[in-house]
């Protein structure tokens, strides 16, 4: 069995309570995680620009968990920005939001979201959803490394 390498997750979430709950749930998983939390779309885009420039402490994430409803650059606009950037467009972005609006779901997939999850209301629900999310993206789903993606785009 291939050992599971540590993964880098970026959480783009403006609610401090949800940030804490999601971070705790992710850290309790069996996969070693490096979690970077940004509170706004603007802050997340700045982080990703530094990651593209290979600035220490700003790794390119393996997965982005994105809330839709944020002040400033909202989740849909953020998604539009990174999917238009050929250095970031292959990063899976999973929407994790309170909205279960059909229009939000359709819009997110049209903007190339990799998944859409309505936030659970309980701690156990959060843990279960995040465990399943990690299992899918980092164990079951076939992916290429960041190095392979960079080489293929060069």
Protein backbone atom coordinates (compact mmCIF):
# COMPACT_ATOMS: atom_id res chain seq x y z
CA UNK A 1 0.00 0.00 0.00
CA UNK A 2 1.30 3.44 -0.95
CA UNK A 3 1.80 5.71 2.07
CA UNK A 4 -0.51 8.68 2.16
CA UNK A 5 1.40 11.95 1.88
CA UNK A 6 0.41 15.00 3.88
CA UNK A 7 -2.09 17.21 2.08
CA UNK A 8 -2.51 20.95 1.96
CA UNK A 9 -6.03 22.28 2.30
CA UNK A 10 -7.07 25.90 1.94
CA UNK A 11 -10.28 26.88 3.69
CA UNK A 12 -11.88 30.08 2.43
CA UNK A 13 -14.47 30.84 5.11
CA UNK A 14 -15.48 34.11 6.77
CA UNK A 15 -17.29 32.68 9.81
CA UNK A 16 -14.86 32.11 12.75
CA UNK A 17 -17.13 29.47 14.27
CA UNK A 18 -17.24 27.47 11.03
CA UNK A 19 -13.47 27.94 10.61
CA UNK A 20 -12.86 26.39 14.02
CA UNK A 21 -15.34 23.55 13.48
CA UNK A 22 -13.95 22.66 10.05
CA UNK A 23 -10.33 22.89 11.22
CA UNK A 24 -11.01 20.64 14.22
CA UNK A 25 -12.81 18.12 12.03
CA UNK A 26 -9.98 18.08 9.47
CA UNK A 27 -7.27 17.71 12.09
CA UNK A 28 -8.99 14.68 13.61
CA UNK A 29 -8.83 12.74 10.34
CA UNK A 30 -6.29 9.96 9.80
CA UNK A 31 -4.62 11.86 6.96
CA UNK A 32 -1.95 14.37 7.91
CA UNK A 33 -3.22 17.80 6.95
CA UNK A 34 -1.72 21.22 6.57
CA UNK A 35 -4.61 23.67 6.78
CA UNK A 36 -4.45 27.31 5.67
CA UNK A 37 -7.46 29.44 6.56
CA UNK A 38 -8.35 32.65 4.79
CA UNK A 39 -11.35 34.75 5.77
CA UNK A 40 -12.06 36.51 2.47
CA UNK A 41 -11.82 35.86 -1.24
CA UNK A 42 -9.30 38.69 -1.51
CA UNK A 43 -7.08 37.15 1.17
CA UNK A 44 -7.31 33.75 -0.54
CA UNK A 45 -6.31 35.21 -3.92
CA UNK A 46 -3.32 36.96 -2.31
CA UNK A 47 -2.29 33.66 -0.70
CA UNK A 48 -2.52 31.87 -4.05
CA UNK A 49 -0.46 34.55 -5.81
CA UNK A 50 2.30 34.02 -3.22
CA UNK A 51 1.98 30.26 -3.69
CA UNK A 52 2.44 30.67 -7.45
CA UNK A 53 5.59 32.72 -6.76
CA UNK A 54 6.85 29.89 -4.49
CA UNK A 55 6.98 32.11 -1.39
CA UNK A 56 7.87 30.12 1.76
CA UNK A 57 4.85 29.42 3.94
CA UNK A 58 2.43 29.71 1.02
CA UNK A 59 2.06 26.25 -0.55
CA UNK A 60 -0.21 25.57 -3.51
CA UNK A 61 -3.19 23.77 -1.95
CA UNK A 62 -4.18 20.23 -2.93
CA UNK A 63 -7.82 21.12 -2.23
CA UNK A 64 -9.77 24.32 -1.63
CA UNK A 65 -12.90 24.32 0.54
CA UNK A 66 -14.89 27.41 -0.37
CA UNK A 67 -17.82 29.16 1.25
CA UNK A 68 -20.05 30.98 -1.24
CA UNK A 69 -21.47 33.72 0.95
CA UNK A 70 -18.67 36.06 1.93
CA UNK A 71 -18.32 39.84 1.92
CA UNK A 72 -16.19 41.39 -0.84
CA UNK A 73 -15.19 38.83 -3.43
CA UNK A 74 -17.77 36.11 -2.86
CA UNK A 75 -17.23 32.43 -3.49
CA UNK A 76 -18.49 32.47 -7.08
CA UNK A 77 -16.22 35.36 -8.07
CA UNK A 78 -13.26 33.68 -6.34
CA UNK A 79 -14.00 30.45 -8.21
CA UNK A 80 -14.19 32.36 -11.50
CA UNK A 81 -10.77 33.94 -10.82
CA UNK A 82 -8.88 30.76 -10.04
CA UNK A 83 -10.44 28.72 -12.82
CA UNK A 84 -9.32 31.45 -15.26
CA UNK A 85 -5.70 31.14 -14.05
CA UNK A 86 -3.81 28.37 -15.85
CA UNK A 87 -1.52 27.87 -12.83
CA UNK A 88 -4.45 27.31 -10.45
CA UNK A 89 -7.24 25.92 -12.61
CA UNK A 90 -6.56 22.25 -11.79
CA UNK A 91 -6.88 22.67 -8.02
CA UNK A 92 -10.09 20.95 -6.93
CA UNK A 93 -12.50 23.41 -5.33
CA UNK A 94 -15.33 22.01 -3.24
CA UNK A 95 -18.08 24.40 -2.24
CA UNK A 96 -18.91 24.05 1.46
CA UNK A 97 -21.77 26.42 2.21
CA UNK A 98 -25.08 26.87 3.98
CA UNK A 99 -26.91 27.46 0.71
CA UNK A 100 -28.89 24.66 -0.85
CA UNK A 101 -30.26 26.92 -3.57
CA UNK A 102 -30.56 25.13 -6.92
CA UNK A 103 -29.24 28.28 -8.62
CA UNK A 104 -26.12 28.37 -6.42
CA UNK A 105 -25.47 24.69 -7.15
CA UNK A 106 -25.90 25.16 -10.93
CA UNK A 107 -23.77 28.33 -10.94
CA UNK A 108 -21.00 26.61 -8.97
CA UNK A 109 -20.78 23.67 -11.34
CA UNK A 110 -20.88 25.97 -14.36
CA UNK A 111 -17.86 27.74 -12.82
CA UNK A 112 -16.10 24.34 -12.60
CA UNK A 113 -16.50 23.56 -8.91
CA UNK A 114 -15.39 20.00 -8.21
CA UNK A 115 -18.17 19.41 -5.71
CA UNK A 116 -20.92 21.08 -3.73
CA UNK A 117 -21.70 20.26 -0.10
CA UNK A 118 -24.28 21.87 2.14
CA UNK A 119 -22.73 22.48 5.55
CA UNK A 120 -24.01 20.03 8.15
CA UNK A 121 -25.49 21.58 11.27
CA UNK A 122 -23.91 19.24 13.83
CA UNK A 123 -20.31 18.56 14.84
CA UNK A 124 -20.71 14.86 14.04
CA UNK A 125 -22.19 15.78 10.66
CA UNK A 126 -19.17 17.99 9.92
CA UNK A 127 -16.75 15.24 10.91
CA UNK A 128 -18.53 12.68 8.75
CA UNK A 129 -18.69 14.96 5.69
CA UNK A 130 -15.04 16.00 5.97
CA UNK A 131 -13.90 12.41 6.52
CA UNK A 132 -15.75 11.32 3.38
CA UNK A 133 -14.43 14.33 1.45
CA UNK A 134 -10.82 13.53 2.34
CA UNK A 135 -11.31 9.84 1.62
CA UNK A 136 -12.57 10.69 -1.85
CA UNK A 137 -10.05 13.38 -2.83
CA UNK A 138 -6.93 11.90 -1.27
CA UNK A 139 -7.42 8.13 -1.28
CA UNK A 140 -9.95 7.14 -3.95
CA UNK A 141 -9.60 9.88 -6.58
CA UNK A 142 -6.66 9.62 -8.99
CA UNK A 143 -4.65 12.84 -9.10
CA UNK A 144 -1.35 14.07 -10.45
CA UNK A 145 1.24 15.80 -8.30
CA UNK A 146 1.75 19.55 -8.33
CA UNK A 147 5.10 18.94 -10.02
CA UNK A 148 3.46 16.89 -12.79
CA UNK A 149 0.86 19.60 -13.36
CA UNK A 150 3.54 22.29 -13.59
CA UNK A 151 5.61 20.22 -16.02
CA UNK A 152 2.59 19.50 -18.25
CA UNK A 153 1.67 23.22 -18.40
CA UNK A 154 5.22 24.38 -19.21
